[in-house]
Amino acid sequence: MKKRRWYRKKRMWILLLFLIYFISIRMEWAKFRYNPEKLKQTIFDKTQIEPLFQQKEFEGKPMQYVQIGQNEKAPLIAFVHGSPGSLADFKTYLADPELNKIATIVSIDRLGFGYSDFGATEPSLSVQAKSVASILAQFHNNKIILVGYSLGGPVVAKTAMDFPELIDATLLIAPSISPELEPSTGWRKIADWKIIQSMTPPALRVCNQEIIPLKTELEILKEGWENLEIPVTVIQGEKDKLVPKGNADFAKKMLTNSPSVDMKMIANGNHFILWTETEVIKNAILELIKKIE
């Protein structure tokens, strides 16, 4: 009798937890998206500049980005987020008064995330780079510093390789760029089964689906590193468990033709240095601006 009651309670708890999960994955927070109006207000409150949210079509797909300022004589700082993520991951930098005084700033929702063809996976670094370049092309009069975080790192690198006429410097933050250091994707392939996909929030599903082929994409990317002839800064956390610090060593080894390679290793830093080391990252951006002036 006691065993039956215990099994009933166990089943009830399992059903309850499943119900909570099922409801939560359909809530807005599970989309890793932002409220454009709230973000706009946050930026305006700190900078007194009205940010512009723009929609651009790329090969029939919608892409969203935010632009702050429009000075063609100033450098352009462009941000590319990781996986999952959105342009709002760079909110601190978008709303930084000092950066806004000296630069035009752009942050992009990558394909599959935010409001850029949300939920549709684009695993090709080449296509992702092309989509980023399609936005940056309209700023051809500006000198451009392209900043990439995590999986945004290889996207930024590929953009600089394929569109050297657009990019003047890059900043890679905890970038997953070494194919040898990419972990096994066995469990990710299981998570990509249709039945599990149906219970996974779209942003997490897209994240999983673009990481599965990443090792192969990074192998292809290896061929282009020697073509980067611009200043590159890499910021990496020593204690990063998601993107091992060896990725920074890989960058240093591969960037043989860059005129300036600056490595900044954060002692005890983890993968979330984008949010915990904002001053280090901001100063790295300021240093790159000086290098391209």
C-alpha atoms as a PDB file:
ATOM      1  CA  MET A   1       0.000   0.000   0.000  1.00  0.00           C
ATOM      2  CA  LYS A   2       2.799   2.389   0.931  1.00  0.00           C
ATOM      3  CA  LYS A   3       4.645   1.470  -2.263  1.00  0.00           C
ATOM      4  CA  ARG A   4       1.581   2.287  -4.360  1.00  0.00           C
ATOM      5  CA  ARG A   5       1.248   5.697  -2.727  1.00  0.00           C
ATOM      6  CA  TRP A   6       4.967   6.339  -3.296  1.00  0.00           C
ATOM      7  CA  TYR A   7       4.665   5.422  -7.006  1.00  0.00           C
ATOM      8  CA  ARG A   8       1.582   7.613  -7.373  1.00  0.00           C
ATOM      9  CA  LYS A   9       3.378  10.566  -5.802  1.00  0.00           C
ATOM     10  CA  LYS A  10       6.414   9.945  -7.981  1.00  0.00           C
ATOM     11  CA  ARG A  11       4.269   9.891 -11.145  1.00  0.00           C
ATOM     12  CA  MET A  12       2.482  13.055 -10.061  1.00  0.00           C
ATOM     13  CA  TRP A  13       5.795  14.866  -9.509  1.00  0.00           C
ATOM     14  CA  ILE A  14       7.118  13.707 -12.886  1.00  0.00           C
ATOM     15  CA  LEU A  15       3.951  14.868 -14.630  1.00  0.00           C
ATOM     16  CA  LEU A  16       4.048  18.173 -12.764  1.00  0.00           C
ATOM     17  CA  LEU A  17       7.699  18.798 -13.673  1.00  0.00           C
ATOM     18  CA  PHE A  18       7.004  17.901 -17.307  1.00  0.00           C
ATOM     19  CA  LEU A  19       4.032  20.299 -17.339  1.00  0.00           C
ATOM     20  CA  ILE A  20       6.135  23.108 -15.866  1.00  0.00           C
ATOM     21  CA  TYR A  21       8.861  22.455 -18.447  1.00  0.00           C
ATOM     22  CA  PHE A  22       6.357  22.292 -21.320  1.00  0.00           C
ATOM     23  CA  ILE A  23       4.809  25.620 -20.298  1.00  0.00           C
ATOM     24  CA  SER A  24       8.135  27.348 -19.597  1.00  0.00           C
ATOM     25  CA  ILE A  25       9.692  26.521 -22.986  1.00  0.00           C
ATOM     26  CA  ARG A  26       6.843  28.362 -24.650  1.00  0.00           C
ATOM     27  CA  MET A  27       7.344  31.485 -22.556  1.00  0.00           C
ATOM     28  CA  GLU A  28       9.149  34.519 -24.007  1.00  0.00           C
ATOM     29  CA  TRP A  29      12.291  34.150 -21.858  1.00  0.00           C
ATOM     30  CA  ALA A  30      12.999  30.743 -23.428  1.00  0.00           C
ATOM     31  CA  LYS A  31      13.421  32.442 -26.816  1.00  0.00           C
ATOM     32  CA  PHE A  32      16.556  34.312 -25.665  1.00  0.00           C
ATOM     33  CA  ARG A  33      14.970  37.404 -27.177  1.00  0.00           C
ATOM     34  CA  TYR A  34      14.608  40.960 -25.927  1.00  0.00           C
ATOM     35  CA  ASN A  35      11.956  43.645 -25.870  1.00  0.00           C
ATOM     36  CA  PRO A  36      13.095  46.211 -28.489  1.00  0.00           C
ATOM     37  CA  GLU A  37      11.231  49.065 -26.799  1.00  0.00           C
ATOM     38  CA  LYS A  38      12.785  48.368 -23.404  1.00  0.00           C
ATOM     39  CA  LEU A  39      16.247  48.021 -24.909  1.00  0.00           C
ATOM     40  CA  LYS A  40      15.740  51.248 -26.853  1.00  0.00           C
ATOM     41  CA  GLN A  41      14.775  53.064 -23.648  1.00  0.00           C
ATOM     42  CA  THR A  42      17.765  51.668 -21.733  1.00  0.00           C
ATOM     43  CA  ILE A  43      20.178  52.865 -24.406  1.00  0.00           C
ATOM     44  CA  PHE A  44      18.540  56.282 -24.682  1.00  0.00           C
ATOM     45  CA  ASP A  45      18.516  56.802 -20.899  1.00  0.00           C
ATOM     46  CA  LYS A  46      22.294  56.295 -20.731  1.00  0.00           C
ATOM     47  CA  THR A  47      23.389  57.931 -23.982  1.00  0.00           C
ATOM     48  CA  GLN A  48      20.642  60.398 -24.929  1.00  0.00           C
ATOM     49  CA  ILE A  49      20.876  58.913 -28.421  1.00  0.00           C
ATOM     50  CA  GLU A  50      17.846  57.339 -30.090  1.00  0.00           C
ATOM     51  CA  PRO A  51      18.809  53.829 -31.272  1.00  0.00           C
ATOM     52  CA  LEU A  52      17.375  52.645 -34.576  1.00  0.00           C
ATOM     53  CA  PHE A  53      16.151  49.065 -34.926  1.00  0.00           C
ATOM     54  CA  GLN A  54      16.467  48.114 -38.566  1.00  0.00           C
ATOM     55  CA  GLN A  55      15.217  45.160 -40.619  1.00  0.00           C
ATOM     56  CA  LYS A  56      17.136  44.039 -43.701  1.00  0.00           C
ATOM     57  CA  GLU A  57      16.383  41.177 -46.075  1.00  0.00           C
ATOM     58  CA  PHE A  58      19.158  38.684 -46.703  1.00  0.00           C
ATOM     59  CA  GLU A  59      18.481  36.049 -49.360  1.00  0.00           C
ATOM     60  CA  GLY A  60      14.774  36.244 -48.586  1.00  0.00           C
ATOM     61  CA  LYS A  61      15.295  36.056 -44.820  1.00  0.00           C
ATOM     62  CA  PRO A  62      14.669  38.905 -42.356  1.00  0.00           C
ATOM     63  CA  MET A  63      17.633  40.196 -40.370  1.00  0.00           C
ATOM     64  CA  GLN A  64      17.471  42.645 -37.504  1.00  0.00           C
ATOM     65  CA  TYR A  65      20.127  44.938 -36.131  1.00  0.00           C
ATOM     66  CA  VAL A  66      20.277  48.009 -33.942  1.00  0.00           C
ATOM     67  CA  GLN A  67      22.254  51.112 -34.901  1.00  0.00           C
ATOM     68  CA  ILE A  68      23.317  53.871 -32.522  1.00  0.00           C
ATOM     69  CA  GLY A  69      24.655  56.999 -34.189  1.00  0.00           C
ATOM     70  CA  GLN A  70      25.406  57.544 -37.870  1.00  0.00           C
ATOM     71  CA  ASN A  71      28.663  59.425 -38.132  1.00  0.00           C
ATOM     72  CA  GLU A  72      30.450  58.312 -41.311  1.00  0.00           C
ATOM     73  CA  LYS A  73      33.721  59.840 -40.089  1.00  0.00           C
ATOM     74  CA  ALA A  74      33.693  57.872 -36.840  1.00  0.00           C
ATOM     75  CA  PRO A  75      34.784  54.231 -36.527  1.00  0.00           C
ATOM     76  CA  LEU A  76      32.021  51.629 -36.484  1.00  0.00           C
ATOM     77  CA  ILE A  77      31.923  49.007 -33.736  1.00  0.00           C
ATOM     78  CA  ALA A  78      29.828  46.001 -34.809  1.00  0.00           C
ATOM     79  CA  PHE A  79      28.890  43.179 -32.418  1.00  0.00           C
ATOM     80  CA  VAL A  80      28.072  39.542 -33.277  1.00  0.00           C
ATOM     81  CA  HIS A  81      26.668  37.304 -30.524  1.00  0.00           C
ATOM     82  CA  GLY A  82      27.210  33.652 -29.638  1.00  0.00           C
ATOM     83  CA  SER A  83      24.885  30.649 -29.468  1.00  0.00           C
ATOM     84  CA  PRO A  84      22.227  31.008 -28.208  1.00  0.00           C
ATOM     85  CA  GLY A  85      22.032  34.768 -27.935  1.00  0.00           C
ATOM     86  CA  SER A  86      20.874  38.026 -29.475  1.00  0.00           C
ATOM     87  CA  LEU A  87      22.068  41.541 -30.206  1.00  0.00           C
ATOM     88  CA  ALA A  88      20.995  42.517 -26.665  1.00  0.00           C
ATOM     89  CA  ASP A  89      23.879  40.455 -25.217  1.00  0.00           C
ATOM     90  CA  PHE A  90      25.986  43.586 -25.831  1.00  0.00           C
ATOM     91  CA  LYS A  91      23.592  45.932 -24.017  1.00  0.00           C
ATOM     92  CA  THR A  92      26.321  47.262 -21.694  1.00  0.00           C
ATOM     93  CA  TYR A  93      28.445  48.354 -24.655  1.00  0.00           C
ATOM     94  CA  LEU A  94      25.514  49.657 -26.687  1.00  0.00           C
ATOM     95  CA  ALA A  95      24.583  51.920 -23.791  1.00  0.00           C
ATOM     96  CA  ASP A  96      28.131  53.036 -22.954  1.00  0.00           C
ATOM     97  CA  PRO A  97      28.342  56.864 -23.211  1.00  0.00           C
ATOM     98  CA  GLU A  98      32.090  56.917 -23.927  1.00  0.00           C
ATOM     99  CA  LEU A  99      31.892  54.446 -26.808  1.00  0.00           C
ATOM    100  CA  ASN A 100      28.919  56.298 -28.263  1.00  0.00           C
ATOM    101  CA  LYS A 101      30.810  59.603 -28.231  1.00  0.00           C
ATOM    102  CA  ILE A 102      33.597  58.290 -30.440  1.00  0.00           C
ATOM    103  CA  ALA A 103      31.924  55.632 -32.602  1.00  0.00           C
ATOM    104  CA  THR A 104      28.839  54.498 -34.422  1.00  0.00           C
ATOM    105  CA  ILE A 105      27.669  51.198 -32.921  1.00  0.00           C
ATOM    106  CA  VAL A 106      25.807  48.291 -34.483  1.00  0.00           C
ATOM    107  CA  SER A 107      24.693  44.983 -32.959  1.00  0.00           C
ATOM    108  CA  ILE A 108      23.272  42.184 -35.096  1.00  0.00           C
ATOM    109  CA  ASP A 109      20.842  39.332 -34.481  1.00  0.00           C
ATOM    110  CA  ARG A 110      22.510  36.389 -36.206  1.00  0.00           C
ATOM    111  CA  LEU A 111      20.417  34.215 -38.514  1.00  0.00           C
ATOM    112  CA  GLY A 112      18.194  31.935 -36.430  1.00  0.00           C
ATOM    113  CA  PHE A 113      18.184  34.145 -33.318  1.00  0.00           C
ATOM    114  CA  GLY A 114      16.481  37.257 -31.986  1.00  0.00           C
ATOM    115  CA  TYR A 115      14.397  38.668 -34.821  1.00  0.00           C
ATOM    116  CA  SER A 116      16.557  37.363 -37.686  1.00  0.00           C
ATOM    117  CA  ASP A 117      14.676  34.434 -39.226  1.00  0.00           C
ATOM    118  CA  PHE A 118      14.125  33.168 -35.680  1.00  0.00           C
ATOM    119  CA  GLY A 119      14.105  29.396 -35.265  1.00  0.00           C
ATOM    120  CA  ALA A 120      15.610  28.594 -38.701  1.00  0.00           C
ATOM    121  CA  THR A 121      19.093  27.089 -38.377  1.00  0.00           C
ATOM    122  CA  GLU A 122      21.937  28.329 -40.564  1.00  0.00           C
ATOM    123  CA  PRO A 123      25.010  26.186 -39.693  1.00  0.00           C
ATOM    124  CA  SER A 124      27.288  27.518 -42.447  1.00  0.00           C
ATOM    125  CA  LEU A 125      29.909  29.985 -41.203  1.00  0.00           C
ATOM    126  CA  SER A 126      30.215  31.211 -44.783  1.00  0.00           C
ATOM    127  CA  VAL A 127      26.506  32.090 -45.017  1.00  0.00           C
ATOM    128  CA  GLN A 128      26.504  33.610 -41.519  1.00  0.00           C
ATOM    129  CA  ALA A 129      29.489  35.760 -42.507  1.00  0.00           C
ATOM    130  CA  LYS A 130      27.794  36.801 -45.735  1.00  0.00           C
ATOM    131  CA  SER A 131      24.687  37.861 -43.806  1.00  0.00           C
ATOM    132  CA  VAL A 132      26.779  39.973 -41.400  1.00  0.00           C
ATOM    133  CA  ALA A 133      28.650  41.538 -44.329  1.00  0.00           C
ATOM    134  CA  SER A 134      25.348  42.424 -46.014  1.00  0.00           C
ATOM    135  CA  ILE A 135      24.599  44.731 -43.086  1.00  0.00           C
ATOM    136  CA  LEU A 136      28.111  46.153 -42.747  1.00  0.00           C
ATOM    137  CA  ALA A 137      28.365  46.926 -46.471  1.00  0.00           C
ATOM    138  CA  GLN A 138      26.207  50.023 -46.053  1.00  0.00           C
ATOM    139  CA  PHE A 139      28.848  51.438 -43.666  1.00  0.00           C
ATOM    140  CA  HIS A 140      31.661  51.250 -46.226  1.00  0.00           C
ATOM    141  CA  ASN A 141      32.746  54.824 -45.395  1.00  0.00           C
ATOM    142  CA  ASN A 142      33.443  53.864 -41.770  1.00  0.00           C
ATOM    143  CA  LYS A 143      36.439  51.990 -40.477  1.00  0.00           C
ATOM    144  CA  ILE A 144      34.941  48.860 -38.910  1.00  0.00           C
ATOM    145  CA  ILE A 145      35.930  46.941 -35.799  1.00  0.00           C
ATOM    146  CA  LEU A 146      34.038  43.635 -35.757  1.00  0.00           C
ATOM    147  CA  VAL A 147      33.530  42.063 -32.329  1.00  0.00           C
ATOM    148  CA  GLY A 148      32.491  38.426 -31.902  1.00  0.00           C
ATOM    149  CA  TYR A 149      31.648  36.480 -28.755  1.00  0.00           C
ATOM    150  CA  SER A 150      31.820  32.671 -28.449  1.00  0.00           C
ATOM    151  CA  LEU A 151      30.396  31.182 -31.680  1.00  0.00           C
ATOM    152  CA  GLY A 152      30.223  34.747 -32.944  1.00  0.00           C
ATOM    153  CA  GLY A 153      34.042  34.569 -32.953  1.00  0.00           C
ATOM    154  CA  PRO A 154      34.383  32.247 -35.966  1.00  0.00           C
ATOM    155  CA  VAL A 155      31.566  34.136 -37.714  1.00  0.00           C
ATOM    156  CA  VAL A 156      33.544  37.362 -37.268  1.00  0.00           C
ATOM    157  CA  ALA A 157      36.774  35.699 -38.427  1.00  0.00           C
ATOM    158  CA  LYS A 158      35.055  34.310 -41.532  1.00  0.00           C
ATOM    159  CA  THR A 159      33.552  37.730 -42.288  1.00  0.00           C
ATOM    160  CA  ALA A 160      36.993  39.346 -42.102  1.00  0.00           C
ATOM    161  CA  MET A 161      38.469  36.595 -44.308  1.00  0.00           C
ATOM    162  CA  ASP A 162      35.781  36.762 -46.990  1.00  0.00           C
ATOM    163  CA  PHE A 163      35.216  40.543 -46.946  1.00  0.00           C
ATOM    164  CA  PRO A 164      38.615  42.105 -46.197  1.00  0.00           C
ATOM    165  CA  GLU A 165      37.552  45.373 -47.827  1.00  0.00           C
ATOM    166  CA  LEU A 166      34.978  45.891 -45.053  1.00  0.00           C
ATOM    167  CA  ILE A 167      36.811  44.975 -41.846  1.00  0.00           C
ATOM    168  CA  ASP A 168      39.693  46.964 -40.339  1.00  0.00           C
ATOM    169  CA  ALA A 169      40.157  45.109 -37.018  1.00  0.00           C
ATOM    170  CA  THR A 170      38.556  42.290 -35.017  1.00  0.00           C
ATOM    171  CA  LEU A 171      38.038  41.505 -31.357  1.00  0.00           C
ATOM    172  CA  LEU A 172      37.381  37.851 -30.510  1.00  0.00           C
ATOM    173  CA  ILE A 173      35.935  37.201 -27.042  1.00  0.00           C
ATOM    174  CA  ALA A 174      36.092  33.585 -25.800  1.00  0.00           C
ATOM    175  CA  PRO A 175      35.967  32.440 -29.450  1.00  0.00           C
ATOM    176  CA  SER A 176      35.339  28.799 -30.342  1.00  0.00           C
ATOM    177  CA  ILE A 177      37.764  28.625 -33.270  1.00  0.00           C
ATOM    178  CA  SER A 178      39.971  25.544 -32.829  1.00  0.00           C
ATOM    179  CA  PRO A 179      38.525  22.418 -34.472  1.00  0.00           C
ATOM    180  CA  GLU A 180      40.784  20.208 -32.333  1.00  0.00           C
ATOM    181  CA  LEU A 181      39.266  21.617 -29.138  1.00  0.00           C
ATOM    182  CA  GLU A 182      35.639  21.174 -30.174  1.00  0.00           C
ATOM    183  CA  PRO A 183      34.010  18.621 -27.816  1.00  0.00           C
ATOM    184  CA  SER A 184      32.168  15.493 -28.899  1.00  0.00           C
ATOM    185  CA  THR A 185      28.698  16.110 -30.299  1.00  0.00           C
ATOM    186  CA  GLY A 186      27.286  12.650 -29.533  1.00  0.00           C
ATOM    187  CA  TRP A 187      24.721  13.876 -27.031  1.00  0.00           C
ATOM    188  CA  ARG A 188      23.872  16.822 -29.277  1.00  0.00           C
ATOM    189  CA  LYS A 189      22.926  14.453 -32.084  1.00  0.00           C
ATOM    190  CA  ILE A 190      20.550  12.670 -29.711  1.00  0.00           C
ATOM    191  CA  ALA A 191      19.110  16.055 -28.695  1.00  0.00           C
ATOM    192  CA  ASP A 192      18.471  16.665 -32.396  1.00  0.00           C
ATOM    193  CA  TRP A 193      16.042  13.753 -32.669  1.00  0.00           C
ATOM    194  CA  LYS A 194      12.639  14.961 -33.855  1.00  0.00           C
ATOM    195  CA  ILE A 195      10.820  14.021 -30.657  1.00  0.00           C
ATOM    196  CA  ILE A 196      13.322  15.926 -28.506  1.00  0.00           C
ATOM    197  CA  GLN A 197      13.366  18.849 -30.931  1.00  0.00           C
ATOM    198  CA  SER A 198       9.627  19.229 -30.429  1.00  0.00           C
ATOM    199  CA  MET A 199      10.173  19.778 -26.706  1.00  0.00           C
ATOM    200  CA  THR A 200      13.134  22.140 -27.079  1.00  0.00           C
ATOM    201  CA  PRO A 201      12.848  25.948 -27.216  1.00  0.00           C
ATOM    202  CA  PRO A 202      13.659  27.193 -30.755  1.00  0.00           C
ATOM    203  CA  ALA A 203      16.763  29.163 -29.713  1.00  0.00           C
ATOM    204  CA  LEU A 204      18.248  26.120 -27.960  1.00  0.00           C
ATOM    205  CA  ARG A 205      17.382  23.873 -30.888  1.00  0.00           C
ATOM    206  CA  VAL A 206      19.095  26.264 -33.319  1.00  0.00           C
ATOM    207  CA  CYS A 207      22.073  26.466 -30.976  1.00  0.00           C
ATOM    208  CA  ASN A 208      22.376  22.694 -30.925  1.00  0.00           C
ATOM    209  CA  GLN A 209      21.974  22.342 -34.684  1.00  0.00           C
ATOM    210  CA  GLU A 210      24.675  24.883 -35.518  1.00  0.00           C
ATOM    211  CA  ILE A 211      27.168  23.442 -33.022  1.00  0.00           C
ATOM    212  CA  ILE A 212      26.870  19.852 -34.360  1.00  0.00           C
ATOM    213  CA  PRO A 213      28.675  20.680 -37.653  1.00  0.00           C
ATOM    214  CA  LEU A 214      30.930  23.363 -36.126  1.00  0.00           C
ATOM    215  CA  LYS A 215      34.056  21.174 -35.991  1.00  0.00           C
ATOM    216  CA  THR A 216      33.840  20.593 -39.753  1.00  0.00           C
ATOM    217  CA  GLU A 217      33.178  24.288 -40.356  1.00  0.00           C
ATOM    218  CA  LEU A 218      36.236  25.218 -38.272  1.00  0.00           C
ATOM    219  CA  GLU A 219      38.399  22.811 -40.274  1.00  0.00           C
ATOM    220  CA  ILE A 220      37.392  24.722 -43.417  1.00  0.00           C
ATOM    221  CA  LEU A 221      38.052  28.014 -41.606  1.00  0.00           C
ATOM    222  CA  LYS A 222      41.659  26.989 -40.904  1.00  0.00           C
ATOM    223  CA  GLU A 223      42.557  27.664 -44.520  1.00  0.00           C
ATOM    224  CA  GLY A 224      41.771  31.371 -44.217  1.00  0.00           C
ATOM    225  CA  TRP A 225      43.544  32.510 -41.065  1.00  0.00           C
ATOM    226  CA  GLU A 226      46.733  33.465 -42.898  1.00  0.00           C
ATOM    227  CA  ASN A 227      44.685  35.881 -45.017  1.00  0.00           C
ATOM    228  CA  LEU A 228      43.868  38.102 -42.046  1.00  0.00           C
ATOM    229  CA  GLU A 229      46.088  41.164 -42.382  1.00  0.00           C
ATOM    230  CA  ILE A 230      44.372  43.350 -39.794  1.00  0.00           C
ATOM    231  CA  PRO A 231      44.865  43.926 -36.044  1.00  0.00           C
ATOM    232  CA  VAL A 232      43.274  41.146 -33.972  1.00  0.00           C
ATOM    233  CA  THR A 233      42.688  41.064 -30.222  1.00  0.00           C
ATOM    234  CA  VAL A 234      41.660  37.887 -28.392  1.00  0.00           C
ATOM    235  CA  ILE A 235      40.235  37.950 -24.858  1.00  0.00           C
ATOM    236  CA  GLN A 236      39.938  34.579 -23.148  1.00  0.00           C
ATOM    237  CA  GLY A 237      39.107  33.316 -19.659  1.00  0.00           C
ATOM    238  CA  GLU A 238      41.612  30.905 -18.125  1.00  0.00           C
ATOM    239  CA  LYS A 239      38.844  28.906 -16.435  1.00  0.00           C
ATOM    240  CA  ASP A 240      36.493  28.781 -19.412  1.00  0.00           C
ATOM    241  CA  LYS A 241      34.943  25.300 -19.444  1.00  0.00           C
ATOM    242  CA  LEU A 242      32.823  25.838 -22.565  1.00  0.00           C
ATOM    243  CA  VAL A 243      35.546  27.269 -24.809  1.00  0.00           C
ATOM    244  CA  PRO A 244      38.963  26.129 -23.493  1.00  0.00           C
ATOM    245  CA  LYS A 245      41.762  28.681 -23.252  1.00  0.00           C
ATOM    246  CA  GLY A 246      43.668  26.706 -25.903  1.00  0.00           C
ATOM    247  CA  ASN A 247      41.499  28.516 -28.465  1.00  0.00           C
ATOM    248  CA  ALA A 248      43.492  31.674 -27.745  1.00  0.00           C
ATOM    249  CA  ASP A 249      46.740  29.772 -28.343  1.00  0.00           C
ATOM    250  CA  PHE A 250      45.270  28.487 -31.613  1.00  0.00           C
ATOM    251  CA  ALA A 251      44.524  32.044 -32.720  1.00  0.00           C
ATOM    252  CA  LYS A 252      48.049  33.183 -31.935  1.00  0.00           C
ATOM    253  CA  LYS A 253      49.484  30.297 -33.953  1.00  0.00           C
ATOM    254  CA  MET A 254      47.226  30.858 -36.956  1.00  0.00           C
ATOM    255  CA  LEU A 255      47.400  34.661 -37.218  1.00  0.00           C
ATOM    256  CA  THR A 256      50.758  34.667 -38.985  1.00  0.00           C
ATOM    257  CA  ASN A 257      50.113  37.698 -41.200  1.00  0.00           C
ATOM    258  CA  SER A 258      48.269  39.964 -38.811  1.00  0.00           C
ATOM    259  CA  PRO A 259      50.266  43.163 -38.105  1.00  0.00           C
ATOM    260  CA  SER A 260      49.105  43.117 -34.472  1.00  0.00           C
ATOM    261  CA  VAL A 261      47.938  40.166 -32.365  1.00  0.00           C
ATOM    262  CA  ASP A 262      47.053  41.060 -28.782  1.00  0.00           C
ATOM    263  CA  MET A 263      46.209  38.254 -26.329  1.00  0.00           C
ATOM    264  CA  LYS A 264      44.450  39.110 -23.067  1.00  0.00           C
ATOM    265  CA  MET A 265      44.057  36.147 -20.716  1.00  0.00           C
ATOM    266  CA  ILE A 266      41.650  36.730 -17.813  1.00  0.00           C
ATOM    267  CA  ALA A 267      42.860  34.967 -14.659  1.00  0.00           C
ATOM    268  CA  ASN A 268      39.995  32.897 -13.210  1.00  0.00           C
ATOM    269  CA  GLY A 269      37.744  34.149 -16.024  1.00  0.00           C
ATOM    270  CA  ASN A 270      34.996  31.820 -17.242  1.00  0.00           C
ATOM    271  CA  HIS A 271      32.990  31.795 -20.457  1.00  0.00           C
ATOM    272  CA  PHE A 272      30.847  34.726 -19.365  1.00  0.00           C
ATOM    273  CA  ILE A 273      33.583  37.363 -19.470  1.00  0.00           C
ATOM    274  CA  LEU A 274      31.450  39.327 -21.940  1.00  0.00           C
ATOM    275  CA  TRP A 275      29.372  40.391 -18.919  1.00  0.00           C
ATOM    276  CA  THR A 276      31.894  40.121 -16.061  1.00  0.00           C
ATOM    277  CA  GLU A 277      34.904  41.833 -17.704  1.00  0.00           C
ATOM    278  CA  THR A 278      33.223  44.776 -19.402  1.00  0.00           C
ATOM    279  CA  GLU A 279      36.044  47.227 -18.637  1.00  0.00           C
ATOM    280  CA  VAL A 280      38.683  44.903 -20.104  1.00  0.00           C
ATOM    281  CA  ILE A 281      36.601  44.464 -23.250  1.00  0.00           C
ATOM    282  CA  LYS A 282      35.796  48.160 -23.550  1.00  0.00           C
ATOM    283  CA  ASN A 283      39.478  49.071 -23.208  1.00  0.00           C
ATOM    284  CA  ALA A 284      40.375  46.496 -25.874  1.00  0.00           C
ATOM    285  CA  ILE A 285      37.901  48.178 -28.225  1.00  0.00           C
ATOM    286  CA  LEU A 286      39.409  51.594 -27.464  1.00  0.00           C
ATOM    287  CA  GLU A 287      42.901  50.223 -28.170  1.00  0.00           C
ATOM    288  CA  LEU A 288      41.769  48.857 -31.540  1.00  0.00           C
ATOM    289  CA  ILE A 289      40.231  52.220 -32.437  1.00  0.00           C
ATOM    290  CA  LYS A 290      43.630  53.844 -31.883  1.00  0.00           C
ATOM    291  CA  LYS A 291      45.302  51.231 -34.081  1.00  0.00           C
ATOM    292  CA  ILE A 292      43.060  51.889 -37.079  1.00  0.00           C
ATOM    293  CA  GLU A 293      42.913  55.682 -36.835  1.00  0.00           C
END
